[in-house]
């Protein structure tokens, strides 16, 4: 079985999270210093001497054998027209739902693989049909109204791993059509990207804390005594959340031992997963408006997530954005092409157009005032004069570095070709690390 086929499953239960990123993180049993990893920690810059001493005295021998990667979870909003047969089908659904009350699900009909579950996903989806390969939630309407889908589906991990993304969505379309629906659109609501590694000895909380960049985002952890089970970076409700966890233990608790065949291993010992959960708001920022948009974006999204949004880096520079990727994490970031073909990907942050308009208006007013003070009568004269003043104030390298930092803070992909000279590209490009 190919090692780069996609998958879906939920991670281990999240630790209690803080409602306000600015408040101190809670202490966890067996975790010394969890509170020191929140937004207020590590703000004091390390000296170059201390950095050099740290990197020499505390080598990071972590390495991992790649086992597989791909789409790990896929939820879709379904825009479907049920046609003339919807009234009788709806009556059947309601009858079976009433019969399913107080049970763990009953057969929708003797000759189908669907179970009718006792509850749907209120208030929008009244009925829940469970199939071995997906969970389908149906609303009352024959057709979708406006931007709201009238059905919703969560594909199973086994379907995604065994068939791959395109075949899995084609399989879903066939089943919906067999139920009498005409598919108008399939819009991703959640998509998880994951990669699995065999890491001898596993990962520790201290290792992740000491190498993570950026350092000022909310984290939480699940620990078993002194052993790390799950590391969460970002809020559970945020558009992006990273989970790094002991997948070998998780498959035992979730009865997914079939992953051993995917990994081609006899046990799941020391198998760890890097998993990014992407919700609808950030999928829109990547211009993913239909499920067919996903394949062309996967490589670029993975590279953005593993270099710009979060990375593990060696403490070899006081400026965290200039640190070298940790060798293991460099291998993680190089997996992009295993997700799909490389295509240009741009993340358009919500509100960026409005922000640009505000900046232009504000700068325009300042330029007019400056032109009046310096007796410049035309736009060309004012802009030329401003350029000379800015070039005198800012060194090109310092300006470029400041722009790079602002890009990373805003989640904008950094292009080495644009931001560094040829000598710096080899050092900065994760594919060369």
Protein backbone atom coordinates (compact mmCIF):
# COMPACT_ATOMS: atom_id res chain seq x y z
CA UNK A 1 0.00 0.00 0.00
CA UNK A 2 1.39 3.46 -0.86
CA UNK A 3 2.80 5.32 2.12
CA UNK A 4 1.46 8.74 1.13
CA UNK A 5 -2.25 8.02 1.01
CA UNK A 6 -4.52 10.25 3.14
CA UNK A 7 -6.33 9.58 6.43
CA UNK A 8 -8.86 10.91 9.08
CA UNK A 9 -9.27 10.45 12.76
CA UNK A 10 -9.65 12.51 15.88
CA UNK A 11 -6.70 13.03 18.17
CA UNK A 12 -6.53 12.14 21.81
CA UNK A 13 -8.76 14.29 24.02
CA UNK A 14 -7.49 17.81 24.45
CA UNK A 15 -6.18 19.10 27.74
CA UNK A 16 -8.09 21.88 29.47
CA UNK A 17 -7.44 25.08 27.48
CA UNK A 18 -7.22 28.67 28.57
CA UNK A 19 -10.02 30.94 27.42
CA UNK A 20 -7.66 33.91 27.24
CA UNK A 21 -4.25 33.45 25.60
CA UNK A 22 -2.85 36.20 27.84
CA UNK A 23 -3.61 34.38 31.10
CA UNK A 24 -1.08 31.99 32.65
CA UNK A 25 -1.19 28.41 31.43
CA UNK A 26 -2.42 25.84 33.95
CA UNK A 27 0.01 23.47 35.61
CA UNK A 28 -0.43 19.80 34.76
CA UNK A 29 0.49 16.87 36.97
CA UNK A 30 3.94 15.62 36.08
CA UNK A 31 4.69 18.65 33.86
CA UNK A 32 7.12 21.06 35.42
CA UNK A 33 6.95 24.54 33.92
CA UNK A 34 3.92 24.23 31.64
CA UNK A 35 2.98 27.76 32.64
CA UNK A 36 6.33 28.98 31.35
CA UNK A 37 5.41 28.04 27.80
CA UNK A 38 2.56 30.48 27.30
CA UNK A 39 2.51 33.86 25.59
CA UNK A 40 4.41 35.58 28.35
CA UNK A 41 7.37 33.20 28.46
CA UNK A 42 10.71 33.08 26.64
CA UNK A 43 10.41 36.76 25.83
CA UNK A 44 13.94 37.46 27.18
CA UNK A 45 16.41 37.07 24.31
CA UNK A 46 19.28 34.64 24.82
CA UNK A 47 22.78 35.94 24.25
CA UNK A 48 24.85 34.57 21.39
CA UNK A 49 27.24 33.01 23.94
CA UNK A 50 24.41 31.25 25.73
CA UNK A 51 22.96 30.08 22.43
CA UNK A 52 26.27 28.63 21.31
CA UNK A 53 26.75 26.91 24.65
CA UNK A 54 23.22 25.51 24.56
CA UNK A 55 23.54 24.09 21.06
CA UNK A 56 26.85 22.39 21.95
CA UNK A 57 25.92 21.08 25.39
CA UNK A 58 22.41 19.90 24.54
CA UNK A 59 22.46 18.21 21.13
CA UNK A 60 19.07 17.19 19.74
CA UNK A 61 19.51 13.65 18.36
CA UNK A 62 15.83 13.31 17.42
CA UNK A 63 15.34 11.66 14.05
CA UNK A 64 12.39 9.90 12.47
CA UNK A 65 11.67 7.30 9.81
CA UNK A 66 8.88 8.51 7.52
CA UNK A 67 5.90 6.11 7.45
CA UNK A 68 3.13 7.93 5.58
CA UNK A 69 1.33 11.22 5.07
CA UNK A 70 -1.82 12.67 3.53
CA UNK A 71 -5.24 14.10 4.19
CA UNK A 72 -6.13 12.81 7.63
CA UNK A 73 -9.64 14.22 8.06
CA UNK A 74 -12.20 15.67 5.67
CA UNK A 75 -15.58 17.17 6.52
CA UNK A 76 -17.69 18.51 3.67
CA UNK A 77 -20.72 20.75 3.42
CA UNK A 78 -22.96 19.18 0.77
CA UNK A 79 -25.20 21.18 -1.54
CA UNK A 80 -27.65 18.61 -2.88
CA UNK A 81 -30.96 18.61 -4.73
CA UNK A 82 -33.06 15.65 -3.60
CA UNK A 83 -35.67 16.10 -6.31
CA UNK A 84 -39.24 14.79 -6.41
CA UNK A 85 -38.53 11.77 -4.23
CA UNK A 86 -37.54 13.83 -1.20
CA UNK A 87 -40.97 13.88 0.45
CA UNK A 88 -41.23 10.09 0.67
CA UNK A 89 -37.55 9.74 1.60
CA UNK A 90 -37.97 12.35 4.36
CA UNK A 91 -40.95 10.46 5.77
CA UNK A 92 -38.85 7.27 5.84
CA UNK A 93 -36.01 9.07 7.60
CA UNK A 94 -38.32 10.49 10.26
CA UNK A 95 -40.01 7.14 10.87
CA UNK A 96 -36.68 5.38 11.35
CA UNK A 97 -35.38 8.15 13.59
CA UNK A 98 -38.34 7.77 15.91
CA UNK A 99 -37.75 4.02 15.99
CA UNK A 100 -34.06 4.57 16.77
CA UNK A 101 -34.77 6.56 19.95
CA UNK A 102 -32.97 5.02 22.92
CA UNK A 103 -30.81 2.75 20.74
CA UNK A 104 -27.28 2.96 19.36
CA UNK A 105 -28.65 2.98 15.85
CA UNK A 106 -30.93 0.78 13.74
CA UNK A 107 -30.84 -0.28 10.09
CA UNK A 108 -32.31 2.30 7.74
CA UNK A 109 -33.61 -0.55 5.58
CA UNK A 110 -32.90 -4.31 5.40
CA UNK A 111 -30.86 -4.04 2.20
CA UNK A 112 -28.62 -1.06 3.04
CA UNK A 113 -25.42 -0.48 5.00
CA UNK A 114 -26.82 2.65 6.65
CA UNK A 115 -27.72 2.93 10.30
CA UNK A 116 -30.21 5.56 11.43
CA UNK A 117 -28.80 7.15 14.56
CA UNK A 118 -31.09 8.45 17.31
CA UNK A 119 -29.96 12.09 16.97
CA UNK A 120 -28.68 14.35 14.24
CA UNK A 121 -26.57 17.50 14.43
CA UNK A 122 -29.04 20.15 15.66
CA UNK A 123 -30.28 22.62 14.78
CA UNK A 124 -29.37 22.37 11.11
CA UNK A 125 -29.28 18.62 10.44
CA UNK A 126 -32.14 16.52 11.76
CA UNK A 127 -31.01 13.08 10.61
CA UNK A 128 -27.75 11.19 11.06
CA UNK A 129 -27.03 8.23 8.77
CA UNK A 130 -23.97 6.19 9.70
CA UNK A 131 -22.22 4.26 6.95
CA UNK A 132 -19.07 2.15 7.49
CA UNK A 133 -17.13 4.74 5.47
CA UNK A 134 -18.72 8.04 6.48
CA UNK A 135 -21.20 9.85 8.72
CA UNK A 136 -23.91 11.68 6.76
CA UNK A 137 -26.08 14.42 8.31
CA UNK A 138 -29.21 15.56 6.47
CA UNK A 139 -31.31 18.68 6.84
CA UNK A 140 -35.02 19.04 6.09
CA UNK A 141 -34.82 21.03 2.85
CA UNK A 142 -35.02 19.55 -0.62
CA UNK A 143 -32.48 22.05 -1.94
CA UNK A 144 -29.89 24.28 -0.21
CA UNK A 145 -30.89 27.84 0.63
CA UNK A 146 -28.28 30.50 -0.07
CA UNK A 147 -24.79 29.72 1.24
CA UNK A 148 -25.96 27.07 3.73
CA UNK A 149 -25.52 23.40 2.74
CA UNK A 150 -28.45 21.08 3.33
CA UNK A 151 -26.24 18.07 4.14
CA UNK A 152 -22.90 17.44 5.82
CA UNK A 153 -20.48 14.50 5.79
CA UNK A 154 -17.41 13.34 7.72
CA UNK A 155 -15.34 10.80 5.78
CA UNK A 156 -13.74 7.97 7.74
CA UNK A 157 -9.98 7.65 8.10
CA UNK A 158 -10.03 4.17 6.64
CA UNK A 159 -11.81 5.36 3.49
CA UNK A 160 -9.28 8.14 2.95
CA UNK A 161 -6.23 5.95 3.62
CA UNK A 162 -7.44 3.06 1.48
CA UNK A 163 -8.75 5.03 -1.52
CA UNK A 164 -7.03 8.41 -1.46
CA UNK A 165 -8.72 11.81 -1.67
CA UNK A 166 -10.06 11.88 -5.28
CA UNK A 167 -11.39 8.31 -5.16
CA UNK A 168 -12.92 8.84 -1.72
CA UNK A 169 -14.90 11.89 -2.86
CA UNK A 170 -15.99 10.07 -6.03
CA UNK A 171 -17.16 7.17 -3.84
CA UNK A 172 -19.17 9.60 -1.70
CA UNK A 173 -20.83 11.12 -4.78
CA UNK A 174 -21.93 7.65 -5.92
CA UNK A 175 -23.58 6.93 -2.57
CA UNK A 176 -25.39 10.27 -2.47
CA UNK A 177 -26.69 9.76 -6.00
CA UNK A 178 -27.84 6.26 -5.05
CA UNK A 179 -29.92 7.87 -2.28
CA UNK A 180 -31.61 10.04 -4.90
CA UNK A 181 -29.57 13.24 -4.65
CA UNK A 182 -28.01 15.41 -7.34
CA UNK A 183 -24.76 16.93 -6.08
CA UNK A 184 -24.48 20.66 -6.69
CA UNK A 185 -21.31 21.31 -4.69
CA UNK A 186 -19.02 19.80 -2.05
CA UNK A 187 -17.35 22.45 0.11
CA UNK A 188 -14.59 21.52 2.61
CA UNK A 189 -15.44 22.54 6.17
CA UNK A 190 -12.46 20.88 7.86
CA UNK A 191 -9.34 19.24 6.50
CA UNK A 192 -6.50 17.72 8.53
CA UNK A 193 -3.05 17.11 7.04
CA UNK A 194 -0.86 14.57 8.79
CA UNK A 195 2.48 12.79 8.61
CA UNK A 196 3.55 9.75 10.63
CA UNK A 197 7.09 8.92 11.76
CA UNK A 198 8.80 6.20 13.72
CA UNK A 199 10.89 8.13 16.27
CA UNK A 200 12.98 5.87 18.53
CA UNK A 201 12.48 6.98 22.11
CA UNK A 202 9.61 9.28 21.13
CA UNK A 203 9.27 13.03 21.66
CA UNK A 204 9.35 15.02 24.89
CA UNK A 205 7.65 18.19 26.00
CA UNK A 206 11.03 19.79 26.76
CA UNK A 207 12.28 19.11 23.23
CA UNK A 208 9.24 20.75 21.64
CA UNK A 209 9.33 23.68 24.05
CA UNK A 210 13.01 24.39 23.39
CA UNK A 211 12.76 24.26 19.58
CA UNK A 212 9.33 25.61 18.68
CA UNK A 213 8.94 28.78 16.59
CA UNK A 214 7.02 30.95 17.17
CA UNK A 215 7.16 30.86 20.97
CA UNK A 216 4.23 33.13 21.84
CA UNK A 217 1.19 31.10 20.82
CA UNK A 218 -1.12 29.13 23.10
CA UNK A 219 -0.14 25.55 23.83
CA UNK A 220 -1.57 22.71 25.90
CA UNK A 221 -0.43 19.16 26.54
CA UNK A 222 -1.64 15.72 27.58
CA UNK A 223 0.85 13.95 29.83
CA UNK A 224 0.92 10.47 31.35
CA UNK A 225 3.17 11.00 34.31
CA UNK A 226 6.34 12.49 32.83
CA UNK A 227 5.63 11.15 29.33
CA UNK A 228 4.19 13.35 26.60
CA UNK A 229 1.16 11.94 24.80
CA UNK A 230 -0.20 14.95 22.89
CA UNK A 231 1.15 18.44 22.25
CA UNK A 232 -1.31 21.09 21.00
CA UNK A 233 -0.12 24.32 19.41
CA UNK A 234 -2.88 26.89 18.91
CA UNK A 235 -6.37 27.02 20.36
CA UNK A 236 -8.76 24.14 19.76
CA UNK A 237 -11.26 26.60 18.24
CA UNK A 238 -8.79 28.52 16.08
CA UNK A 239 -8.74 28.14 12.27
CA UNK A 240 -5.43 26.25 12.53
CA UNK A 241 -4.30 23.91 15.27
CA UNK A 242 -1.24 21.67 15.31
CA UNK A 243 -1.21 18.36 17.17
CA UNK A 244 1.92 16.27 17.68
CA UNK A 245 1.05 13.03 19.44
CA UNK A 246 1.83 9.40 20.11
CA UNK A 247 -0.12 7.80 17.28
CA UNK A 248 0.97 4.30 18.25
CA UNK A 249 -0.90 4.59 21.55
CA UNK A 250 -3.89 6.30 19.94
CA UNK A 251 -4.58 3.49 17.46
CA UNK A 252 -4.95 1.06 20.36
CA UNK A 253 -7.55 3.21 22.12
CA UNK A 254 -9.44 3.93 18.86
CA UNK A 255 -9.32 0.35 17.52
CA UNK A 256 -7.39 1.38 14.41
CA UNK A 257 -4.74 -1.29 14.39
CA UNK A 258 -5.14 -1.42 10.60
CA UNK A 259 -2.69 1.50 10.52
CA UNK A 260 0.03 -1.10 11.17
CA UNK A 261 -0.52 -2.37 7.62
CA UNK A 262 -0.24 1.16 6.25
CA UNK A 263 2.99 1.73 8.17
CA UNK A 264 4.25 -1.78 7.37
CA UNK A 265 5.13 -2.30 11.01
CA UNK A 266 4.32 -5.03 13.53
CA UNK A 267 3.69 -2.57 16.39
CA UNK A 268 2.91 1.11 16.77
CA UNK A 269 5.61 1.68 19.38
CA UNK A 270 7.30 5.08 18.99
CA UNK A 271 5.09 6.10 16.06
CA UNK A 272 4.37 9.84 16.28
CA UNK A 273 2.06 12.00 14.20
CA UNK A 274 2.36 15.63 13.07
CA UNK A 275 -1.16 16.80 12.30
CA UNK A 276 -2.52 20.19 11.25
CA UNK A 277 -6.24 20.80 11.62
CA UNK A 278 -7.58 23.39 9.16
CA UNK A 279 -11.07 24.81 9.54
CA UNK A 280 -13.24 26.61 6.99
CA UNK A 281 -11.96 30.17 7.62
CA UNK A 282 -8.36 29.30 6.77
CA UNK A 283 -9.39 27.04 3.88
CA UNK A 284 -11.10 30.09 2.38
CA UNK A 285 -7.88 32.07 2.84
CA UNK A 286 -6.15 29.43 0.69
CA UNK A 287 -8.96 29.89 -1.90
CA UNK A 288 -10.35 26.39 -1.34
CA UNK A 289 -14.04 26.78 -2.13
CA UNK A 290 -14.78 23.27 -3.41
CA UNK A 291 -13.37 19.83 -2.71
CA UNK A 292 -11.87 19.77 -6.21
CA UNK A 293 -9.66 22.73 -5.22
CA UNK A 294 -7.89 20.69 -2.54
CA UNK A 295 -5.46 18.45 -4.49
CA UNK A 296 -3.65 21.36 -6.13
CA UNK A 297 -3.24 23.18 -2.78
CA UNK A 298 -2.05 20.40 -0.47
CA UNK A 299 1.69 20.65 -1.20
CA UNK A 300 1.80 24.43 -0.80
CA UNK A 301 -0.32 24.39 2.35
CA UNK A 302 1.91 21.78 4.00
CA UNK A 303 5.02 23.80 3.22
CA UNK A 304 3.43 26.98 4.59
CA UNK A 305 2.28 25.24 7.76
CA UNK A 306 5.61 23.54 8.47
CA UNK A 307 7.87 26.54 7.74
CA UNK A 308 5.94 29.79 8.25
CA UNK A 309 3.15 28.91 10.69
CA UNK A 310 5.07 26.52 12.99
CA UNK A 311 8.49 24.90 12.92
CA UNK A 312 11.09 23.31 15.15
CA UNK A 313 14.41 25.17 14.90
CA UNK A 314 17.87 24.95 16.42
CA UNK A 315 18.76 27.69 18.93
CA UNK A 316 21.58 29.03 16.74
CA UNK A 317 20.40 32.61 16.35
CA UNK A 318 18.83 35.16 18.70
CA UNK A 319 16.34 36.03 15.95
CA UNK A 320 13.96 33.06 15.90
CA UNK A 321 12.99 33.71 12.26
CA UNK A 322 16.62 33.22 11.21
CA UNK A 323 17.22 29.95 13.05
CA UNK A 324 18.05 26.77 11.15
CA UNK A 325 15.39 24.09 10.92
CA UNK A 326 15.95 21.13 13.21
CA UNK A 327 17.11 18.23 10.96
CA UNK A 328 14.07 16.11 11.76
CA UNK A 329 11.68 18.99 11.15
CA UNK A 330 13.45 19.74 7.86
CA UNK A 331 12.44 16.23 6.77
CA UNK A 332 8.86 17.00 7.87
CA UNK A 333 8.72 20.19 5.80
CA UNK A 334 10.11 18.41 2.72
CA UNK A 335 7.07 16.15 2.48
CA UNK A 336 5.00 18.65 0.49
CA UNK A 337 5.27 16.85 -2.84
CA UNK A 338 4.08 13.61 -1.25
CA UNK A 339 0.75 15.37 -0.67
CA UNK A 340 0.47 16.46 -4.28
CA UNK A 341 1.96 18.45 -7.12
CA UNK A 342 3.69 21.72 -6.22
CA UNK A 343 1.68 24.76 -7.29
CA UNK A 344 1.90 28.40 -6.22
CA UNK A 345 -0.22 28.89 -3.09
CA UNK A 346 -1.09 32.22 -1.51
CA UNK A 347 -2.87 32.70 1.79
CA UNK A 348 -5.14 35.75 1.59
CA UNK A 349 -5.88 36.82 5.12
CA UNK A 350 -9.41 38.02 5.86
CA UNK A 351 -9.65 41.78 6.00
CA UNK A 352 -6.34 42.31 4.17
CA UNK A 353 -7.98 44.42 1.45
CA UNK A 354 -9.60 46.70 4.03
CA UNK A 355 -6.29 46.96 5.88
CA UNK A 356 -4.47 47.95 2.70
CA UNK A 357 -7.05 50.61 1.89
CA UNK A 358 -6.72 52.06 5.38
CA UNK A 359 -2.92 52.12 5.13
CA UNK A 360 -3.01 53.81 1.71
CA UNK A 361 -5.41 56.46 2.99
CA UNK A 362 -3.29 57.05 6.08
CA UNK A 363 0.01 57.17 4.16
CA UNK A 364 -1.55 59.44 1.54
CA UNK A 365 -2.47 61.99 4.18
CA UNK A 366 1.02 61.88 5.66
CA UNK A 367 2.62 62.29 2.21
CA UNK A 368 0.48 65.38 1.52
CA UNK A 369 1.55 66.93 4.82
CA UNK A 370 5.21 66.12 4.13
CA UNK A 371 4.95 67.55 0.60
CA UNK A 372 3.56 70.79 1.99
CA UNK A 373 6.35 71.06 4.56
CA UNK A 374 9.06 70.32 1.97
CA UNK A 375 7.42 72.44 -0.75
CA UNK A 376 6.79 69.66 -3.26
CA UNK A 377 4.00 70.60 -5.64
CA UNK A 378 3.21 67.39 -7.54
CA UNK A 379 2.54 63.74 -6.67
CA UNK A 380 5.67 62.58 -8.51
CA UNK A 381 7.83 65.08 -6.64
CA UNK A 382 6.32 64.10 -3.29
CA UNK A 383 6.71 60.35 -3.89
CA UNK A 384 10.29 60.77 -5.16
CA UNK A 385 11.21 62.91 -2.18
CA UNK A 386 9.66 60.37 0.22
CA UNK A 387 11.65 57.57 -1.42
CA UNK A 388 14.91 59.41 -0.89
CA UNK A 389 14.07 60.04 2.77
CA UNK A 390 13.19 56.38 3.36
CA UNK A 391 16.35 55.12 1.64
CA UNK A 392 18.40 57.41 3.82
CA UNK A 393 16.68 56.13 6.97
CA UNK A 394 16.57 52.35 6.34
CA UNK A 395 19.34 49.99 5.33
CA UNK A 396 18.08 47.59 2.58
CA UNK A 397 18.99 44.44 4.54
CA UNK A 398 17.35 45.69 7.74
CA UNK A 399 14.23 46.73 5.86
CA UNK A 400 13.98 43.34 4.12
CA UNK A 401 14.38 41.51 7.43
CA UNK A 402 11.68 43.64 9.10
CA UNK A 403 9.30 42.89 6.21
CA UNK A 404 10.05 39.17 6.51
CA UNK A 405 9.25 39.21 10.24
CA UNK A 406 5.96 41.01 9.61
CA UNK A 407 5.03 38.47 6.93
CA UNK A 408 5.58 35.56 9.29
CA UNK A 409 3.59 37.24 12.08
CA UNK A 410 0.67 37.68 9.69
CA UNK A 411 0.84 34.12 8.36
CA UNK A 412 2.01 35.22 4.89
CA UNK A 413 4.23 32.74 3.08
CA UNK A 414 7.85 33.88 2.83
CA UNK A 415 9.55 33.47 -0.53
CA UNK A 416 13.32 32.94 -0.12
CA UNK A 417 13.89 34.12 -3.69
CA UNK A 418 12.35 37.48 -2.86
CA UNK A 419 13.65 37.97 0.65
CA UNK A 420 17.24 36.74 0.55
CA UNK A 421 20.28 36.99 -1.66
CA UNK A 422 21.68 33.89 -3.33
CA UNK A 423 24.06 33.06 -0.47
CA UNK A 424 21.27 33.17 2.10
CA UNK A 425 18.80 31.09 0.09
CA UNK A 426 20.64 27.81 0.59
CA UNK A 427 20.64 28.34 4.36
CA UNK A 428 17.00 29.53 4.58
CA UNK A 429 15.30 27.10 2.19
CA UNK A 430 13.92 24.17 4.25
CA UNK A 431 14.40 21.85 1.31
CA UNK A 432 18.13 22.42 1.49
CA UNK A 433 18.39 22.08 5.30
